[in-house]
Protein backbone atom coordinates (compact mmCIF):
# COMPACT_ATOMS: atom_id res chain seq x y z
CA UNK A 1 -14.10 -6.15 26.52
CA UNK A 2 -16.73 -4.84 24.10
CA UNK A 3 -19.09 -7.93 24.16
CA UNK A 4 -21.53 -9.02 21.83
CA UNK A 5 -25.32 -7.97 23.79
CA UNK A 6 -27.83 -6.43 21.88
CA UNK A 7 -26.03 -6.49 18.78
CA UNK A 8 -26.96 -7.20 14.90
CA UNK A 9 -25.23 -9.18 12.89
CA UNK A 10 -26.63 -8.98 8.78
CA UNK A 11 -24.44 -11.50 6.56
CA UNK A 12 -25.00 -12.50 2.83
CA UNK A 13 -22.57 -13.93 0.74
CA UNK A 14 -22.30 -17.89 0.84
CA UNK A 15 -22.28 -18.95 4.12
CA UNK A 16 -23.13 -22.83 5.26
CA UNK A 17 -25.57 -23.77 8.24
CA UNK A 18 -21.83 -24.76 9.85
CA UNK A 19 -20.21 -20.96 9.43
CA UNK A 20 -23.37 -19.36 10.36
CA UNK A 21 -23.22 -21.50 13.46
CA UNK A 22 -19.83 -20.53 14.56
CA UNK A 23 -20.53 -17.04 14.42
CA UNK A 24 -23.63 -17.05 16.64
CA UNK A 25 -20.77 -18.41 18.84
CA UNK A 26 -17.94 -15.81 18.59
CA UNK A 27 -20.79 -13.64 19.00
CA UNK A 28 -23.16 -15.35 21.17
CA UNK A 29 -25.54 -12.43 22.89
CA UNK A 30 -25.88 -10.69 19.46
CA UNK A 31 -28.53 -11.21 16.45
CA UNK A 32 -26.87 -13.09 13.68
CA UNK A 33 -29.16 -13.28 10.75
CA UNK A 34 -28.38 -14.85 7.31
CA UNK A 35 -29.45 -13.04 4.30
CA UNK A 36 -29.58 -14.86 0.87
CA UNK A 37 -31.50 -12.15 -0.72
CA UNK A 38 -29.19 -8.68 -0.62
CA UNK A 39 -32.82 -6.52 -1.20
CA UNK A 40 -33.78 -7.96 2.03
CA UNK A 41 -30.32 -7.77 4.28
CA UNK A 42 -30.73 -3.90 2.79
CA UNK A 43 -33.73 -3.75 3.55
CA UNK A 44 -33.33 -4.85 7.46
CA UNK A 45 -29.93 -2.15 7.90
CA UNK A 46 -31.10 0.68 9.37
CA UNK A 47 -30.63 -1.50 13.07
CA UNK A 48 -27.84 -3.41 12.11
CA UNK A 49 -24.33 -2.80 13.59
CA UNK A 50 -21.95 -4.88 11.47
CA UNK A 51 -22.67 -5.90 7.75
CA UNK A 52 -20.72 -8.80 6.05
CA UNK A 53 -21.42 -8.26 2.36
CA UNK A 54 -21.94 -5.73 -0.35
CA UNK A 55 -24.06 -2.05 1.00
CA UNK A 56 -25.67 0.60 -1.29
CA UNK A 57 -25.50 3.76 -0.57
CA UNK A 58 -29.02 3.85 0.16
CA UNK A 59 -28.85 1.20 2.02
CA UNK A 60 -25.84 2.93 4.16
CA UNK A 61 -27.67 6.27 4.04
CA UNK A 62 -30.33 3.92 6.51
CA UNK A 63 -27.72 2.20 8.65
CA UNK A 64 -28.03 4.99 11.87
CA UNK A 65 -26.14 2.51 13.51
CA UNK A 66 -23.79 1.00 11.44
CA UNK A 67 -20.20 0.51 12.60
CA UNK A 68 -18.32 -1.69 10.55
CA UNK A 69 -18.96 -3.11 6.84
CA UNK A 70 -17.08 -6.45 5.77
CA UNK A 71 -16.23 -6.51 2.02
CA UNK A 72 -15.71 -10.38 0.79
CA UNK A 73 -13.94 -9.09 -1.98
CA UNK A 74 -10.32 -8.63 -1.92
CA UNK A 75 -10.26 -5.45 -3.45
CA UNK A 76 -13.05 -3.28 -2.08
CA UNK A 77 -13.81 -1.16 -5.35
CA UNK A 78 -16.92 -1.58 -5.27
CA UNK A 79 -17.69 -0.34 -1.83
CA UNK A 80 -15.67 2.59 -1.92
CA UNK A 81 -18.87 5.15 -3.59
CA UNK A 82 -18.31 8.62 -2.66
CA UNK A 83 -21.34 8.31 0.09
CA UNK A 84 -19.36 5.33 2.44
CA UNK A 85 -15.83 7.46 1.13
CA UNK A 86 -17.26 10.04 3.75
CA UNK A 87 -18.96 8.45 6.78
CA UNK A 88 -17.05 7.16 9.63
CA UNK A 89 -18.47 3.22 9.40
CA UNK A 90 -15.12 1.42 9.06
CA UNK A 91 -14.94 -1.17 6.10
CA UNK A 92 -12.43 -4.21 6.07
CA UNK A 93 -11.62 -6.42 3.28
CA UNK A 94 -10.49 -10.13 2.47
CA UNK A 95 -7.22 -9.08 0.96
CA UNK A 96 -4.92 -12.10 0.87
CA UNK A 97 -7.48 -14.68 0.53
CA UNK A 98 -6.69 -14.83 -2.73
CA UNK A 99 -3.08 -14.49 -3.09
CA UNK A 100 -2.07 -18.54 -3.25
CA UNK A 101 -3.98 -19.20 -6.17
CA UNK A 102 -3.34 -15.53 -8.41
CA UNK A 103 0.61 -16.18 -7.51
CA UNK A 104 -0.06 -19.90 -9.12
CA UNK A 105 -2.16 -17.98 -11.51
CA UNK A 106 0.76 -15.38 -12.61
CA UNK A 107 3.13 -18.56 -12.76
CA UNK A 108 0.72 -20.25 -15.56
CA UNK A 109 0.14 -17.28 -17.15
CA UNK A 110 4.25 -16.95 -17.62
CA UNK A 111 5.06 -20.97 -18.44
CA UNK A 112 2.47 -20.44 -21.20
CA UNK A 113 4.04 -17.20 -22.61
CA UNK A 114 7.36 -18.36 -22.47
CA UNK A 115 6.62 -21.55 -23.92
CA UNK A 116 4.41 -20.60 -26.26
CA UNK A 117 2.09 -22.98 -25.32
CA UNK A 118 -0.70 -22.19 -27.15
CA UNK A 119 1.11 -23.16 -30.33
CA UNK A 120 0.75 -26.28 -28.28
CA UNK A 121 -2.43 -26.46 -27.79
CA UNK A 122 -3.21 -25.39 -31.35
CA UNK A 123 -1.99 -28.34 -32.72
CA UNK A 124 -3.17 -30.52 -30.63
CA UNK A 125 -6.18 -29.45 -31.64
CA UNK A 126 -5.31 -30.21 -35.10
CA UNK A 127 -3.70 -33.39 -34.47
CA UNK A 128 -0.31 -31.95 -35.07
CA UNK A 129 2.64 -33.06 -33.74
CA UNK A 130 4.79 -29.53 -34.05
CA UNK A 131 7.98 -29.62 -31.57
CA UNK A 132 9.71 -26.64 -31.70
CA UNK A 133 12.55 -24.62 -29.32
CA UNK A 134 11.06 -22.38 -26.91
CA UNK A 135 12.15 -20.58 -23.57
CA UNK A 136 12.71 -21.61 -19.74
CA UNK A 137 11.60 -19.29 -16.55
CA UNK A 138 15.36 -20.15 -15.02
CA UNK A 139 17.30 -17.08 -15.01
CA UNK A 140 14.75 -14.49 -16.37
CA UNK A 141 13.56 -11.23 -14.69
CA UNK A 142 10.52 -10.66 -13.71
CA UNK A 143 9.14 -7.54 -12.47
CA UNK A 144 6.56 -6.97 -9.75
CA UNK A 145 4.37 -3.99 -8.93
CA UNK A 146 2.95 -4.44 -5.42
CA UNK A 147 4.41 -5.98 -2.70
CA UNK A 148 1.25 -7.25 -0.58
CA UNK A 149 0.23 -10.46 -0.31
CA UNK A 150 -0.24 -11.32 -3.56
CA UNK A 151 2.64 -10.43 -5.00
CA UNK A 152 5.15 -11.86 -2.22
CA UNK A 153 3.76 -14.92 -2.58
CA UNK A 154 4.51 -14.86 -6.51
CA UNK A 155 7.76 -14.08 -5.59
CA UNK A 156 8.14 -16.95 -3.79
CA UNK A 157 7.12 -19.01 -6.42
CA UNK A 158 9.40 -17.16 -8.87
CA UNK A 159 12.60 -17.56 -6.82
CA UNK A 160 11.64 -21.44 -6.76
CA UNK A 161 11.81 -21.36 -10.61
CA UNK A 162 15.31 -19.96 -10.32
CA UNK A 163 13.94 -16.26 -11.13
CA UNK A 164 15.72 -12.62 -10.61
CA UNK A 165 12.71 -11.03 -8.72
CA UNK A 166 12.53 -7.20 -8.93
CA UNK A 167 9.68 -5.20 -6.80
CA UNK A 168 7.98 -1.62 -7.15
CA UNK A 169 6.15 -0.09 -4.91
CA UNK A 170 6.69 3.02 -2.53
CA UNK A 171 8.41 1.46 0.30
CA UNK A 172 11.53 0.77 -0.61
CA UNK A 173 13.07 -1.35 1.91
CA UNK A 174 14.68 -5.34 1.13
CA UNK A 175 11.96 -7.83 1.02
CA UNK A 176 12.13 -11.35 1.35
CA UNK A 177 12.75 -13.06 -1.73
CA UNK A 178 12.86 -9.51 -3.69
CA UNK A 179 16.54 -9.34 -5.54
CA UNK A 180 15.75 -5.32 -5.30
CA UNK A 181 12.88 -3.00 -4.42
CA UNK A 182 11.81 0.37 -7.05
CA UNK A 183 10.59 3.27 -6.18
CA UNK A 184 7.29 4.74 -8.35
CA UNK A 185 9.81 7.50 -9.30
CA UNK A 186 12.39 4.51 -10.49
CA UNK A 187 9.33 2.63 -12.42
CA UNK A 188 11.38 3.48 -16.73
CA UNK A 189 14.32 1.81 -14.70
CA UNK A 190 12.46 -1.18 -13.36
CA UNK A 191 10.59 -1.60 -16.88
CA UNK A 192 13.66 -1.74 -18.52
CA UNK A 193 14.56 -4.58 -16.60
CA UNK A 194 12.12 -7.21 -16.88
CA UNK A 195 11.27 -9.96 -18.99
CA UNK A 196 7.85 -10.18 -17.51
CA UNK A 197 6.05 -7.53 -15.28
CA UNK A 198 3.04 -8.65 -13.17
CA UNK A 199 0.64 -6.47 -11.64
CA UNK A 200 -0.52 -7.09 -8.24
CA UNK A 201 -1.22 -3.70 -7.02
CA UNK A 202 -5.04 -3.02 -6.27
CA UNK A 203 -6.46 0.63 -8.75
CA UNK A 204 -6.38 3.32 -6.94
CA UNK A 205 -5.87 6.86 -7.95
CA UNK A 206 -2.52 6.46 -7.27
CA UNK A 207 -2.50 3.53 -9.95
CA UNK A 208 -4.88 4.13 -12.59
CA UNK A 209 -3.09 4.29 -16.20
CA UNK A 210 0.68 4.00 -14.27
CA UNK A 211 1.43 1.57 -17.34
CA UNK A 212 1.06 3.71 -20.91
CA UNK A 213 2.47 4.53 -23.79
CA UNK A 214 5.75 6.01 -22.55
CA UNK A 215 6.15 3.28 -19.74
CA UNK A 216 4.77 0.23 -22.39
CA UNK A 217 8.11 1.55 -24.41
CA UNK A 218 10.79 1.21 -21.75
CA UNK A 219 9.74 -2.48 -22.05
CA UNK A 220 12.18 -4.24 -23.39
CA UNK A 221 10.76 -5.89 -26.91
CA UNK A 222 11.21 -9.96 -25.52
CA UNK A 223 8.78 -9.03 -22.50
CA UNK A 224 5.45 -9.75 -21.47
CA UNK A 225 3.37 -7.99 -19.42
CA UNK A 226 0.86 -9.95 -16.82
CA UNK A 227 -1.88 -8.54 -14.87
CA UNK A 228 -4.10 -10.41 -12.34
CA UNK A 229 -5.17 -7.73 -9.65
CA UNK A 230 -7.14 -5.00 -11.16
CA UNK A 231 -7.21 -3.44 -15.04
CA UNK A 232 -7.12 0.14 -15.51
CA UNK A 233 -3.57 0.58 -13.91
CA UNK A 234 -2.43 0.02 -17.70
CA UNK A 235 -3.95 1.68 -19.91
CA UNK A 236 -6.08 -0.68 -22.24
CA UNK A 237 -5.68 1.97 -25.59
CA UNK A 238 -1.74 1.73 -24.31
CA UNK A 239 -1.53 -1.74 -23.79
CA UNK A 240 -3.23 -3.00 -27.23
CA UNK A 241 -0.91 -0.82 -29.20
CA UNK A 242 2.08 -1.80 -27.60
CA UNK A 243 1.03 -5.96 -28.08
CA UNK A 244 -0.67 -5.35 -31.04
CA UNK A 245 2.88 -3.14 -32.95
CA UNK A 246 5.65 -5.13 -31.15
CA UNK A 247 6.41 -2.83 -28.32
CA UNK A 248 6.36 -5.76 -26.05
CA UNK A 249 6.03 -9.81 -26.95
CA UNK A 250 2.90 -9.99 -25.33
CA UNK A 251 0.61 -10.26 -22.33
CA UNK A 252 -0.98 -12.54 -19.51
CA UNK A 253 -4.37 -10.82 -18.77
CA UNK A 254 -6.69 -11.98 -16.02
CA UNK A 255 -8.16 -8.57 -15.42
CA UNK A 256 -9.59 -6.18 -17.96
CA UNK A 257 -10.37 -2.77 -17.69
CA UNK A 258 -13.82 -3.94 -18.85
CA UNK A 259 -14.85 -6.81 -17.35
CA UNK A 260 -16.79 -8.62 -18.62
CA UNK A 261 -14.31 -8.56 -21.45
CA UNK A 262 -16.80 -7.28 -24.32
CA UNK A 263 -16.71 -10.16 -27.53
CA UNK A 264 -15.46 -7.46 -29.78
CA UNK A 265 -12.50 -6.36 -27.40
CA UNK A 266 -9.29 -6.48 -29.53
CA UNK A 267 -7.74 -8.25 -27.14
CA UNK A 268 -9.65 -11.74 -27.58
CA UNK A 269 -7.70 -11.62 -31.03
CA UNK A 270 -4.44 -9.59 -30.36
CA UNK A 271 -1.58 -11.79 -30.99
CA UNK A 272 0.57 -13.47 -28.32
CA UNK A 273 -1.90 -12.70 -25.99
CA UNK A 274 -3.88 -14.64 -23.20
CA UNK A 275 -6.70 -13.63 -21.65
CA UNK A 276 -8.52 -15.29 -18.42
CA UNK A 277 -11.87 -14.02 -17.09
CA UNK A 278 -10.49 -12.20 -13.55
CA UNK A 279 -10.97 -16.12 -12.63
CA UNK A 280 -7.61 -16.49 -11.19
CA UNK A 281 -8.55 -16.89 -7.44
CA UNK A 282 -12.12 -18.64 -8.16
CA UNK A 283 -11.18 -21.34 -5.61
CA UNK A 284 -12.86 -22.94 -2.39
CA UNK A 285 -9.77 -22.52 -0.13
CA UNK A 286 -10.21 -18.50 -2.15
CA UNK A 287 -13.60 -18.71 0.18
CA UNK A 288 -12.46 -20.33 2.98
CA UNK A 289 -9.79 -18.03 3.63
CA UNK A 290 -12.20 -15.51 3.38
CA UNK A 291 -14.71 -15.98 5.98
CA UNK A 292 -12.37 -16.53 7.90
CA UNK A 293 -10.62 -13.19 8.02
CA UNK A 294 -14.25 -12.19 8.71
CA UNK A 295 -14.95 -14.44 11.66
CA UNK A 296 -11.20 -13.71 13.29
CA UNK A 297 -11.64 -10.14 12.66
CA UNK A 298 -15.83 -11.08 14.61
CA UNK A 299 -13.68 -12.23 17.29
CA UNK A 300 -11.35 -9.17 17.47
CA UNK A 301 -14.40 -6.49 17.69
CA UNK A 302 -16.68 -8.77 20.65
CA UNK A 303 -12.74 -8.50 22.89
CA UNK A 304 -12.47 -4.62 21.85
CA UNK A 305 -9.21 -5.63 20.01
CA UNK A 306 -8.02 -3.67 16.53
CA UNK A 307 -9.59 -5.00 13.52
CA UNK A 308 -7.26 -6.45 10.64
CA UNK A 309 -7.46 -5.48 6.53
CA UNK A 310 -8.73 -1.81 7.32
CA UNK A 311 -9.68 0.13 4.27
CA UNK A 312 -7.74 3.40 3.91
CA UNK A 313 -10.99 4.85 2.01
CA UNK A 314 -9.00 7.26 0.52
CA UNK A 315 -6.17 5.83 -0.52
CA UNK A 316 -8.90 2.48 -1.90
CA UNK A 317 -7.26 -0.60 -0.47
């Protein structure tokens, strides 16, 4: 039992009075302080044991007592600067908090692309009654790159739409709701089977630019690319060329190589592509689940138990 006596915990983020009171009850002997201002929090980091929120490299260097930092983000990329990677401070993240809405967002994008929904939207705007033959997801194949929280939830939802579900990850063990799991070495074979390729994997040194020209040429010309996790898993130049030149049928992009997506980006106007502003998991329930991950981990920390959602700082997730 570690307990909380003498412990100092600094918080930023969306912490209301009720949540602050709950955290204080979890660590009753600790000094738990909430800061609305990031700079004020960082100024106090010198005697902190735990920080929940973003922490700069200069603040990390002053955190001589610091043992644990929690990122409110599911993907902790912003926290993985060289100084933090090299430090002994434990990093946890909120991965899994947005799995449900992200999977829903992917289903929405697949439905819109499959049914050419933008044509209906344009017809609505112009008051044009424009009925046409469109696709259905039933019987089509979705390939999911990454089988973490959002990937497995998407597989379940895709099965409800009577889709064939393929997965690609390092561990190829059979997984519920996936018809087959492929290894990285089988990437081209996997891509060639898919009517939709959905990226749910984080951006890491291993996944950066894993989809380039050769990979998009391995896809069916009728297939769509969907990404909601991180831009940069697909090389932006290769992705644009694949859409623009018709190597693939189009794309649904919630995550982008550069964010915010610049007004002059060609992805705004390329054909058969739906752009959303990395907004798929922006729900109140996502925030609530992220808070609960930290609260549960704080209980574990005070009790001397192992933390969950620990980030492998070398692997990047």
